[in-house]
Amino acid sequence: MAGKKSIIRLILLGSIGVITAWGLYAMSDQSVSTIGKLTDQPVSEDNGQWQKPEDAELKKMLTPEQYKVTQKEATERPFQNVYWDNKKEGIYVDIVTGEPLFSSRDKFKSGTGWPSFTRPLVNSHVVEKPDRKFGILRTEVKSKYGDSHLGHLFDDGPNPTGLRYCINSASLRFVPREELAKEGYGQFAKQFQE
């Protein structure tokens, strides 16, 4: 009889644990998936123009570090990357597809050694996913069409959003403001004329 009670107690405790874990999982996913949706940024007309190349082509077009960061979710070294201290005006696009991701107008000095932004240039081009690596819950940031790993999103940024999109330079290509029209990003030029 004592054995049956122990088994029933273990089953009940296990069920409670599963229900609790599932509830925490669901709640954490919900909070993670909405953390960056606090801004109301413009949506661009994509028309199928942002195409991810095949893996063999990616290996040819990207440096080994760019490939590891965008395709294998690696992280580049802080303070030793090309855009962490870039102060020029322009936009940052996905190194793989060219889809517009961030603006220099939303870049700020975070002290982390990586480019940091308060919001995306086009919300629909930045996808947030739960990341449970290393035993903690974080929000991974990826590009929509390239599915490139960009970095992570944190809620310790400055006003007006309170967000910090901490992004790897290796995932980005910078397009200076004076070259936006020439490179097909003319729709974003007016923000630099204000």
N, C-alpha and C. Protein backbone atom coordinates (compact mmCIF):
# COMPACT_ATOMS: atom_id res chain seq x y z
N MET A 1 0.83 -1.20 0.00
CA MET A 1 0.00 0.00 0.00
C MET A 1 0.87 1.26 0.00
N ALA A 2 1.95 1.23 0.80
CA ALA A 2 2.85 2.38 0.86
C ALA A 2 3.49 2.62 -0.50
N GLY A 3 3.76 1.53 -1.19
CA GLY A 3 4.34 1.64 -2.53
C GLY A 3 3.41 2.33 -3.51
N LYS A 4 2.12 1.98 -3.45
CA LYS A 4 1.14 2.61 -4.34
C LYS A 4 1.02 4.09 -4.05
N LYS A 5 1.02 4.47 -2.76
CA LYS A 5 0.92 5.89 -2.40
C LYS A 5 2.13 6.66 -2.93
N SER A 6 3.29 6.06 -2.84
CA SER A 6 4.50 6.72 -3.35
C SER A 6 4.43 6.92 -4.85
N ILE A 7 3.95 5.91 -5.54
CA ILE A 7 3.81 6.00 -7.00
C ILE A 7 2.81 7.08 -7.37
N ILE A 8 1.65 7.10 -6.68
CA ILE A 8 0.63 8.12 -6.95
C ILE A 8 1.18 9.50 -6.66
N ARG A 9 1.91 9.64 -5.55
CA ARG A 9 2.50 10.93 -5.19
C ARG A 9 3.49 11.38 -6.27
N LEU A 10 4.31 10.47 -6.77
CA LEU A 10 5.27 10.79 -7.83
C LEU A 10 4.56 11.20 -9.11
N ILE A 11 3.48 10.50 -9.45
CA ILE A 11 2.73 10.84 -10.66
C ILE A 11 2.13 12.23 -10.52
N LEU A 12 1.53 12.53 -9.35
CA LEU A 12 0.94 13.85 -9.11
C LEU A 12 1.99 14.94 -9.17
N LEU A 13 3.12 14.72 -8.49
CA LEU A 13 4.18 15.72 -8.51
C LEU A 13 4.73 15.92 -9.92
N GLY A 14 4.88 14.83 -10.64
CA GLY A 14 5.34 14.92 -12.02
C GLY A 14 4.37 15.70 -12.89
N SER A 15 3.07 15.45 -12.71
CA SER A 15 2.05 16.17 -13.49
C SER A 15 2.07 17.65 -13.17
N ILE A 16 2.18 17.97 -11.88
CA ILE A 16 2.23 19.38 -11.48
C ILE A 16 3.47 20.03 -12.08
N GLY A 17 4.59 19.31 -12.05
CA GLY A 17 5.82 19.85 -12.63
C GLY A 17 5.69 20.10 -14.12
N VAL A 18 5.08 19.16 -14.84
CA VAL A 18 4.89 19.33 -16.28
C VAL A 18 3.97 20.50 -16.56
N ILE A 19 2.87 20.61 -15.82
CA ILE A 19 1.93 21.71 -16.03
C ILE A 19 2.60 23.05 -15.72
N THR A 20 3.34 23.10 -14.62
CA THR A 20 4.05 24.34 -14.25
C THR A 20 5.08 24.69 -15.32
N ALA A 21 5.87 23.71 -15.73
CA ALA A 21 6.89 23.96 -16.75
C ALA A 21 6.25 24.43 -18.05
N TRP A 22 5.14 23.79 -18.44
CA TRP A 22 4.47 24.18 -19.67
C TRP A 22 3.94 25.61 -19.56
N GLY A 23 3.39 25.96 -18.41
CA GLY A 23 2.87 27.31 -18.20
C GLY A 23 3.98 28.35 -18.28
N LEU A 24 5.12 28.05 -17.64
CA LEU A 24 6.25 28.97 -17.71
C LEU A 24 6.77 29.08 -19.13
N TYR A 25 6.82 27.95 -19.82
CA TYR A 25 7.27 27.95 -21.21
C TYR A 25 6.37 28.81 -22.07
N ALA A 26 5.06 28.61 -21.94
CA ALA A 26 4.10 29.37 -22.74
C ALA A 26 4.16 30.85 -22.41
N MET A 27 4.26 31.17 -21.12
CA MET A 27 4.33 32.58 -20.72
C MET A 27 5.61 33.22 -21.22
N SER A 28 6.73 32.50 -21.09
CA SER A 28 7.99 33.08 -21.52
C SER A 28 8.01 33.28 -23.02
N ASP A 29 7.46 32.34 -23.78
CA ASP A 29 7.39 32.52 -25.22
C ASP A 29 6.53 33.72 -25.58
N GLN A 30 5.44 33.90 -24.85
CA GLN A 30 4.56 35.02 -25.15
C GLN A 30 5.28 36.33 -24.88
N SER A 31 5.95 36.43 -23.74
CA SER A 31 6.63 37.68 -23.44
C SER A 31 7.80 37.91 -24.39
N VAL A 32 8.50 36.85 -24.76
CA VAL A 32 9.60 36.98 -25.69
C VAL A 32 9.09 37.42 -27.06
N SER A 33 8.00 36.85 -27.51
CA SER A 33 7.54 37.16 -28.86
C SER A 33 6.96 38.55 -28.99
N THR A 34 6.63 39.21 -27.87
CA THR A 34 6.06 40.54 -27.97
C THR A 34 7.01 41.63 -27.54
N ILE A 35 8.19 41.28 -27.06
CA ILE A 35 9.09 42.29 -26.51
C ILE A 35 9.43 43.38 -27.53
N GLY A 36 9.67 43.01 -28.77
CA GLY A 36 10.06 43.99 -29.76
C GLY A 36 8.93 44.53 -30.59
N LYS A 37 7.72 44.17 -30.31
CA LYS A 37 6.59 44.61 -31.11
C LYS A 37 5.94 45.87 -30.54
N LEU A 38 6.71 46.61 -29.74
CA LEU A 38 6.17 47.81 -29.12
C LEU A 38 6.27 49.02 -30.04
N THR A 39 6.99 48.89 -31.13
CA THR A 39 7.17 50.02 -32.04
C THR A 39 6.26 49.86 -33.25
N ASP A 40 6.00 50.95 -33.90
CA ASP A 40 5.12 50.94 -35.07
C ASP A 40 5.90 51.47 -36.26
N GLN A 41 6.70 50.62 -36.85
CA GLN A 41 7.55 51.02 -37.96
C GLN A 41 6.91 50.70 -39.30
N PRO A 42 7.32 51.40 -40.34
CA PRO A 42 6.71 51.17 -41.66
C PRO A 42 7.00 49.77 -42.20
N VAL A 43 6.12 49.28 -42.99
CA VAL A 43 6.29 48.00 -43.66
C VAL A 43 6.62 48.29 -45.11
N SER A 44 7.62 47.63 -45.64
CA SER A 44 7.98 47.87 -47.04
C SER A 44 7.26 46.88 -47.94
N GLU A 45 7.16 47.22 -49.19
CA GLU A 45 6.61 46.30 -50.19
C GLU A 45 7.77 45.42 -50.64
N ASP A 46 7.67 44.13 -50.36
CA ASP A 46 8.80 43.25 -50.63
C ASP A 46 8.79 42.65 -52.04
N ASN A 47 7.64 42.29 -52.54
CA ASN A 47 7.52 41.78 -53.90
C ASN A 47 8.50 40.66 -54.24
N GLY A 48 8.87 39.86 -53.25
CA GLY A 48 9.75 38.72 -53.52
C GLY A 48 11.17 39.07 -53.86
N GLN A 49 11.60 40.29 -53.57
CA GLN A 49 12.94 40.70 -53.98
C GLN A 49 14.06 40.23 -53.06
N TRP A 50 13.72 39.81 -51.85
CA TRP A 50 14.75 39.40 -50.91
C TRP A 50 14.88 37.88 -50.91
N GLN A 51 15.78 37.36 -51.71
CA GLN A 51 15.94 35.92 -51.88
C GLN A 51 17.22 35.42 -51.22
N LYS A 52 17.10 34.37 -50.44
CA LYS A 52 18.28 33.77 -49.82
C LYS A 52 18.95 32.82 -50.81
N PRO A 53 20.24 33.00 -51.08
CA PRO A 53 20.95 32.08 -51.98
C PRO A 53 21.11 30.69 -51.36
N GLU A 54 21.42 29.73 -52.19
CA GLU A 54 21.71 28.37 -51.73
C GLU A 54 22.97 28.39 -50.86
N ASP A 55 23.11 27.36 -50.03
CA ASP A 55 24.22 27.31 -49.09
C ASP A 55 25.58 27.37 -49.78
N ALA A 56 25.74 26.68 -50.89
CA ALA A 56 27.02 26.69 -51.60
C ALA A 56 27.37 28.11 -52.05
N GLU A 57 26.37 28.85 -52.50
CA GLU A 57 26.58 30.24 -52.92
C GLU A 57 26.91 31.12 -51.72
N LEU A 58 26.24 30.88 -50.60
CA LEU A 58 26.51 31.66 -49.39
C LEU A 58 27.97 31.49 -48.95
N LYS A 59 28.48 30.27 -49.05
CA LYS A 59 29.87 30.02 -48.65
C LYS A 59 30.85 30.76 -49.54
N LYS A 60 30.45 31.02 -50.78
CA LYS A 60 31.31 31.78 -51.70
C LYS A 60 31.22 33.28 -51.43
N MET A 61 30.02 33.77 -51.15
CA MET A 61 29.82 35.22 -51.04
C MET A 61 30.14 35.80 -49.66
N LEU A 62 30.12 34.97 -48.62
CA LEU A 62 30.35 35.45 -47.26
C LEU A 62 31.75 35.08 -46.78
N THR A 63 32.27 35.89 -45.88
CA THR A 63 33.53 35.52 -45.22
C THR A 63 33.22 34.36 -44.27
N PRO A 64 34.23 33.62 -43.82
CA PRO A 64 33.96 32.54 -42.87
C PRO A 64 33.23 33.04 -41.61
N GLU A 65 33.60 34.22 -41.11
CA GLU A 65 32.93 34.74 -39.92
C GLU A 65 31.47 35.11 -40.22
N GLN A 66 31.23 35.76 -41.36
CA GLN A 66 29.85 36.10 -41.73
C GLN A 66 28.99 34.85 -41.86
N TYR A 67 29.55 33.80 -42.42
CA TYR A 67 28.82 32.54 -42.57
C TYR A 67 28.52 31.93 -41.21
N LYS A 68 29.52 31.88 -40.33
CA LYS A 68 29.32 31.29 -39.00
C LYS A 68 28.27 32.06 -38.20
N VAL A 69 28.30 33.39 -38.29
CA VAL A 69 27.35 34.21 -37.53
C VAL A 69 25.94 34.07 -38.11
N THR A 70 25.79 34.26 -39.41
CA THR A 70 24.44 34.27 -40.00
C THR A 70 23.82 32.89 -40.12
N GLN A 71 24.63 31.87 -40.39
CA GLN A 71 24.08 30.54 -40.66
C GLN A 71 24.20 29.57 -39.49
N LYS A 72 25.16 29.80 -38.61
CA LYS A 72 25.42 28.88 -37.50
C LYS A 72 25.20 29.52 -36.13
N GLU A 73 24.67 30.74 -36.13
CA GLU A 73 24.31 31.46 -34.90
C GLU A 73 25.50 31.73 -33.99
N ALA A 74 26.66 31.99 -34.59
CA ALA A 74 27.84 32.35 -33.80
C ALA A 74 27.73 33.82 -33.40
N THR A 75 28.61 34.23 -32.51
CA THR A 75 28.67 35.63 -32.09
C THR A 75 30.08 36.14 -32.32
N GLU A 76 30.19 37.29 -32.98
CA GLU A 76 31.50 37.88 -33.22
C GLU A 76 32.03 38.53 -31.93
N ARG A 77 33.28 38.86 -31.94
CA ARG A 77 33.91 39.46 -30.75
C ARG A 77 33.47 40.91 -30.59
N PRO A 78 33.20 41.33 -29.36
CA PRO A 78 32.83 42.73 -29.12
C PRO A 78 34.03 43.65 -29.36
N PHE A 79 33.73 44.87 -29.81
CA PHE A 79 34.72 45.92 -30.05
C PHE A 79 35.71 45.56 -31.15
N GLN A 80 35.54 44.41 -31.80
CA GLN A 80 36.44 44.01 -32.88
C GLN A 80 35.63 43.66 -34.11
N ASN A 81 34.64 44.50 -34.39
CA ASN A 81 33.80 44.29 -35.56
C ASN A 81 33.59 45.63 -36.25
N VAL A 82 33.20 45.60 -37.47
CA VAL A 82 33.25 46.78 -38.32
C VAL A 82 32.26 47.89 -37.95
N TYR A 83 31.09 47.59 -37.41
CA TYR A 83 30.08 48.63 -37.21
C TYR A 83 29.82 49.03 -35.77
N TRP A 84 30.51 48.46 -34.80
CA TRP A 84 30.18 48.74 -33.40
C TRP A 84 30.29 50.23 -33.10
N ASP A 85 31.20 50.94 -33.78
CA ASP A 85 31.40 52.36 -33.51
C ASP A 85 31.15 53.22 -34.75
N ASN A 86 30.42 52.67 -35.71
CA ASN A 86 30.13 53.42 -36.94
C ASN A 86 29.17 54.57 -36.63
N LYS A 87 29.56 55.79 -37.01
CA LYS A 87 28.73 56.96 -36.73
C LYS A 87 28.14 57.57 -38.00
N LYS A 88 28.36 56.95 -39.13
CA LYS A 88 27.85 57.48 -40.40
C LYS A 88 26.34 57.29 -40.49
N GLU A 89 25.69 58.14 -41.28
CA GLU A 89 24.25 58.03 -41.49
C GLU A 89 23.95 57.10 -42.65
N GLY A 90 22.95 56.24 -42.45
CA GLY A 90 22.54 55.30 -43.48
C GLY A 90 21.73 54.18 -42.87
N ILE A 91 21.59 53.11 -43.62
CA ILE A 91 20.83 51.97 -43.12
C ILE A 91 21.70 50.71 -43.14
N TYR A 92 21.29 49.75 -42.34
CA TYR A 92 21.96 48.46 -42.26
C TYR A 92 21.03 47.41 -42.84
N VAL A 93 21.56 46.63 -43.77
CA VAL A 93 20.76 45.61 -44.45
C VAL A 93 21.35 44.23 -44.18
N ASP A 94 20.55 43.21 -44.38
CA ASP A 94 21.00 41.82 -44.20
C ASP A 94 22.12 41.53 -45.21
N ILE A 95 23.24 41.05 -44.72
CA ILE A 95 24.38 40.72 -45.57
C ILE A 95 24.04 39.63 -46.59
N VAL A 96 23.05 38.80 -46.27
CA VAL A 96 22.67 37.67 -47.14
C VAL A 96 21.69 38.09 -48.22
N THR A 97 20.63 38.81 -47.86
CA THR A 97 19.56 39.12 -48.82
C THR A 97 19.49 40.59 -49.23
N GLY A 98 20.00 41.46 -48.39
CA GLY A 98 19.88 42.90 -48.66
C GLY A 98 18.61 43.52 -48.09
N GLU A 99 17.77 42.73 -47.42
CA GLU A 99 16.55 43.32 -46.86
C GLU A 99 16.91 44.35 -45.81
N PRO A 100 16.26 45.53 -45.83
CA PRO A 100 16.58 46.59 -44.88
C PRO A 100 16.17 46.21 -43.46
N LEU A 101 17.08 46.44 -42.51
CA LEU A 101 16.86 46.00 -41.14
C LEU A 101 16.86 47.13 -40.10
N PHE A 102 17.90 47.98 -40.13
CA PHE A 102 18.05 49.00 -39.10
C PHE A 102 18.55 50.31 -39.70
N SER A 103 18.29 51.40 -38.99
CA SER A 103 18.72 52.73 -39.42
C SER A 103 19.73 53.30 -38.43
N SER A 104 20.65 54.09 -38.95
CA SER A 104 21.61 54.77 -38.06
C SER A 104 20.89 55.74 -37.14
N ARG A 105 19.71 56.20 -37.50
CA ARG A 105 18.92 57.10 -36.66
C ARG A 105 18.47 56.40 -35.37
N ASP A 106 18.41 55.09 -35.37
CA ASP A 106 17.99 54.33 -34.19
C ASP A 106 19.15 53.62 -33.51
N LYS A 107 20.39 53.91 -33.94
CA LYS A 107 21.59 53.30 -33.37
C LYS A 107 22.01 54.11 -32.15
N PHE A 108 22.50 53.44 -31.14
CA PHE A 108 22.98 54.15 -29.96
C PHE A 108 24.21 53.45 -29.40
N LYS A 109 24.95 54.19 -28.61
CA LYS A 109 26.17 53.65 -28.00
C LYS A 109 25.78 52.88 -26.74
N SER A 110 25.86 51.56 -26.81
CA SER A 110 25.42 50.72 -25.69
C SER A 110 26.57 50.34 -24.76
N GLY A 111 27.80 50.51 -25.23
CA GLY A 111 28.95 50.12 -24.42
C GLY A 111 29.23 48.63 -24.45
N THR A 112 28.50 47.89 -25.30
CA THR A 112 28.66 46.44 -25.35
C THR A 112 29.70 45.98 -26.36
N GLY A 113 30.03 46.85 -27.33
CA GLY A 113 30.98 46.47 -28.37
C GLY A 113 30.34 45.89 -29.61
N TRP A 114 29.01 45.94 -29.68
CA TRP A 114 28.27 45.52 -30.87
C TRP A 114 27.34 46.66 -31.29
N PRO A 115 26.98 46.73 -32.56
CA PRO A 115 25.99 47.74 -32.96
C PRO A 115 24.68 47.48 -32.22
N SER A 116 24.10 48.54 -31.68
CA SER A 116 22.86 48.42 -30.92
C SER A 116 21.84 49.43 -31.44
N PHE A 117 20.61 48.98 -31.54
CA PHE A 117 19.53 49.80 -32.10
C PHE A 117 18.32 49.74 -31.18
N THR A 118 17.52 50.82 -31.18
CA THR A 118 16.32 50.85 -30.34
C THR A 118 15.12 50.21 -31.03
N ARG A 119 15.18 50.06 -32.35
CA ARG A 119 14.06 49.46 -33.08
C ARG A 119 14.51 49.09 -34.50
N PRO A 120 13.75 48.23 -35.16
CA PRO A 120 14.05 47.89 -36.55
C PRO A 120 13.63 49.02 -37.49
N LEU A 121 14.22 49.05 -38.64
CA LEU A 121 13.81 49.99 -39.68
C LEU A 121 12.47 49.55 -40.25
N VAL A 122 12.33 48.24 -40.48
CA VAL A 122 11.08 47.65 -40.96
C VAL A 122 10.75 46.47 -40.04
N ASN A 123 9.71 46.64 -39.24
CA ASN A 123 9.37 45.60 -38.26
C ASN A 123 9.21 44.22 -38.89
N SER A 124 8.58 44.16 -40.05
CA SER A 124 8.28 42.86 -40.65
C SER A 124 9.53 42.12 -41.13
N HIS A 125 10.67 42.80 -41.21
CA HIS A 125 11.90 42.14 -41.65
C HIS A 125 12.71 41.55 -40.50
N VAL A 126 12.29 41.82 -39.26
CA VAL A 126 13.00 41.33 -38.10
C VAL A 126 12.10 40.36 -37.33
N VAL A 127 12.57 39.13 -37.21
CA VAL A 127 11.79 38.06 -36.58
C VAL A 127 12.42 37.75 -35.22
N GLU A 128 11.58 37.59 -34.22
CA GLU A 128 12.05 37.27 -32.87
C GLU A 128 11.69 35.83 -32.54
N LYS A 129 12.67 35.13 -31.96
CA LYS A 129 12.47 33.72 -31.59
C LYS A 129 13.03 33.46 -30.21
N PRO A 130 12.36 32.61 -29.43
CA PRO A 130 12.93 32.24 -28.13
C PRO A 130 14.25 31.48 -28.32
N ASP A 131 15.22 31.81 -27.50
CA ASP A 131 16.52 31.16 -27.54
C ASP A 131 16.83 30.67 -26.13
N ARG A 132 16.87 29.35 -25.96
CA ARG A 132 17.10 28.77 -24.63
C ARG A 132 18.49 28.18 -24.47
N LYS A 133 19.39 28.55 -25.36
CA LYS A 133 20.76 28.05 -25.23
C LYS A 133 21.38 28.57 -23.94
N PHE A 134 22.31 27.86 -23.42
CA PHE A 134 23.04 28.24 -22.20
C PHE A 134 22.15 28.27 -20.97
N GLY A 135 20.97 27.65 -21.03
CA GLY A 135 20.11 27.53 -19.86
C GLY A 135 19.35 28.78 -19.45
N ILE A 136 19.36 29.79 -20.31
CA ILE A 136 18.59 31.00 -20.01
C ILE A 136 17.72 31.34 -21.21
N LEU A 137 16.65 32.05 -20.95
CA LEU A 137 15.75 32.44 -22.04
C LEU A 137 16.15 33.82 -22.55
N ARG A 138 16.45 33.88 -23.84
CA ARG A 138 16.74 35.15 -24.50
C ARG A 138 15.88 35.23 -25.74
N THR A 139 15.89 36.39 -26.37
CA THR A 139 15.15 36.57 -27.61
C THR A 139 16.15 36.71 -28.75
N GLU A 140 16.19 35.71 -29.62
CA GLU A 140 17.06 35.76 -30.79
C GLU A 140 16.38 36.63 -31.85
N VAL A 141 17.18 37.37 -32.60
CA VAL A 141 16.68 38.20 -33.68
C VAL A 141 17.24 37.67 -34.99
N LYS A 142 16.33 37.41 -35.94
CA LYS A 142 16.71 36.89 -37.26
C LYS A 142 16.08 37.75 -38.34
N SER A 143 16.64 37.71 -39.53
CA SER A 143 16.01 38.41 -40.66
C SER A 143 14.92 37.51 -41.22
N LYS A 144 13.87 38.12 -41.71
CA LYS A 144 12.71 37.36 -42.19
C LYS A 144 13.02 36.51 -43.42
N TYR A 145 13.58 37.12 -44.44
CA TYR A 145 13.77 36.41 -45.71
C TYR A 145 15.09 35.64 -45.76
N GLY A 146 16.13 36.18 -45.18
CA GLY A 146 17.42 35.50 -45.19
C GLY A 146 17.53 34.46 -44.09
N ASP A 147 16.67 34.55 -43.08
CA ASP A 147 16.74 33.69 -41.90
C ASP A 147 18.14 33.76 -41.29
N SER A 148 18.77 34.93 -41.43
CA SER A 148 20.11 35.14 -40.88
C SER A 148 20.02 35.41 -39.39
N HIS A 149 20.90 34.79 -38.64
CA HIS A 149 21.02 35.14 -37.23
C HIS A 149 21.64 36.53 -37.17
N LEU A 150 20.94 37.46 -36.50
CA LEU A 150 21.43 38.83 -36.39
C LEU A 150 22.05 39.10 -35.03
N GLY A 151 21.39 38.64 -33.98
CA GLY A 151 21.85 38.89 -32.62
C GLY A 151 20.73 38.60 -31.64
N HIS A 152 20.60 39.45 -30.62
CA HIS A 152 19.58 39.25 -29.59
C HIS A 152 18.91 40.56 -29.21
N LEU A 153 17.73 40.45 -28.67
CA LEU A 153 16.94 41.59 -28.24
C LEU A 153 16.84 41.60 -26.72
N PHE A 154 17.09 42.77 -26.13
CA PHE A 154 17.02 42.93 -24.68
C PHE A 154 16.13 44.13 -24.35
N ASP A 155 15.63 44.15 -23.14
CA ASP A 155 14.72 45.24 -22.75
C ASP A 155 15.41 46.26 -21.84
N ASP A 156 16.72 46.47 -22.07
CA ASP A 156 17.47 47.42 -21.25
C ASP A 156 17.99 48.60 -22.08
N GLY A 157 17.29 48.91 -23.15
CA GLY A 157 17.70 50.01 -24.02
C GLY A 157 17.16 51.36 -23.57
N PRO A 158 17.55 52.42 -24.29
CA PRO A 158 17.11 53.77 -23.93
C PRO A 158 15.70 54.07 -24.45
N ASN A 159 15.18 55.22 -24.08
CA ASN A 159 13.91 55.69 -24.64
C ASN A 159 14.11 55.97 -26.13
N PRO A 160 13.13 55.92 -26.96
CA PRO A 160 11.71 55.84 -26.59
C PRO A 160 11.19 54.41 -26.44
N THR A 161 11.94 53.40 -26.85
CA THR A 161 11.39 52.03 -26.84
C THR A 161 11.79 51.22 -25.63
N GLY A 162 12.94 51.54 -25.02
CA GLY A 162 13.46 50.73 -23.93
C GLY A 162 14.06 49.42 -24.41
N LEU A 163 14.23 49.29 -25.73
CA LEU A 163 14.75 48.05 -26.30
C LEU A 163 16.19 48.21 -26.77
N ARG A 164 16.91 47.10 -26.78
CA ARG A 164 18.28 47.07 -27.32
C ARG A 164 18.41 45.87 -28.24
N TYR A 165 18.40 46.15 -29.53
CA TYR A 165 18.68 45.12 -30.52
C TYR A 165 20.20 45.06 -30.64
N CYS A 166 20.79 44.04 -30.05
CA CYS A 166 22.24 43.87 -30.02
C CYS A 166 22.61 42.98 -31.21
N ILE A 167 23.23 43.56 -32.22
CA ILE A 167 23.37 42.92 -33.53
C ILE A 167 24.84 42.70 -33.89
N ASN A 168 25.12 41.57 -34.51
CA ASN A 168 26.47 41.29 -35.01
C ASN A 168 26.73 42.07 -36.29
N SER A 169 27.86 42.76 -36.35
CA SER A 169 28.24 43.46 -37.59
C SER A 169 28.35 42.49 -38.76
N ALA A 170 28.77 41.26 -38.47
CA ALA A 170 28.95 40.26 -39.53
C ALA A 170 27.65 39.90 -40.23
N SER A 171 26.52 40.24 -39.63
CA SER A 171 25.22 39.96 -40.24
C SER A 171 24.74 41.11 -41.13
N LEU A 172 25.48 42.20 -41.10
CA LEU A 172 25.00 43.44 -41.73
C LEU A 172 25.90 43.93 -42.86
N ARG A 173 25.28 44.73 -43.72
CA ARG A 173 26.01 45.55 -44.70
C ARG A 173 25.46 46.95 -44.54
N PHE A 174 26.34 47.93 -44.47
CA PHE A 174 25.94 49.32 -44.29
C PHE A 174 25.80 50.01 -45.64
N VAL A 175 24.68 50.72 -45.81
CA VAL A 175 24.46 51.51 -47.03
C VAL A 175 24.40 52.97 -46.60
N PRO A 176 25.43 53.76 -46.98
CA PRO A 176 25.45 55.18 -46.58
C PRO A 176 24.26 55.94 -47.16
N ARG A 177 23.86 56.97 -46.45
CA ARG A 177 22.68 57.77 -46.83
C ARG A 177 22.78 58.27 -48.27
N GLU A 178 23.96 58.69 -48.71
CA GLU A 178 24.10 59.24 -50.07
C GLU A 178 24.00 58.17 -51.16
N GLU A 179 24.04 56.90 -50.79
CA GLU A 179 23.95 55.82 -51.78
C GLU A 179 22.63 55.06 -51.74
N LEU A 180 21.70 55.51 -50.89
CA LEU A 180 20.44 54.78 -50.73
C LEU A 180 19.67 54.66 -52.04
N ALA A 181 19.49 55.76 -52.75
CA ALA A 181 18.72 55.73 -54.01
C ALA A 181 19.42 54.84 -55.03
N LYS A 182 20.73 55.01 -55.17
CA LYS A 182 21.50 54.24 -56.15
C LYS A 182 21.41 52.73 -55.88
N GLU A 183 21.33 52.35 -54.62
CA GLU A 183 21.30 50.92 -54.27
C GLU A 183 19.88 50.37 -54.13
N GLY A 184 18.87 51.19 -54.44
CA GLY A 184 17.50 50.71 -54.41
C GLY A 184 16.77 50.88 -53.09
N TYR A 185 17.31 51.71 -52.21
CA TYR A 185 16.69 51.96 -50.90
C TYR A 185 16.23 53.41 -50.77
N GLY A 186 15.88 54.03 -51.88
CA GLY A 186 15.49 55.43 -51.90
C GLY A 186 14.33 55.76 -50.97
N GLN A 187 13.45 54.81 -50.72
CA GLN A 187 12.29 55.07 -49.85
C GLN A 187 12.70 55.44 -48.43
N PHE A 188 13.94 55.11 -48.05
CA PHE A 188 14.39 55.41 -46.69
C PHE A 188 15.20 56.70 -46.60
N ALA A 189 15.43 57.35 -47.73
CA ALA A 189 16.28 58.54 -47.75
C ALA A 189 15.67 59.73 -47.02
N LYS A 190 14.34 59.84 -47.05
CA LYS A 190 13.72 61.04 -46.46
C LYS A 190 13.94 61.16 -44.96
N GLN A 191 14.16 60.06 -44.26
CA GLN A 191 14.39 60.15 -42.82
C GLN A 191 15.68 60.88 -42.50
N PHE A 192 16.60 60.95 -43.47
CA PHE A 192 17.87 61.63 -43.24
C PHE A 192 17.83 63.09 -43.70
N GLN A 193 16.68 63.54 -44.21
CA GLN A 193 16.53 64.93 -44.64
C GLN A 193 15.82 65.75 -43.57
N GLU A 194 15.39 65.13 -42.49
CA GLU A 194 14.67 65.83 -41.43
C GLU A 194 15.61 66.58 -40.52
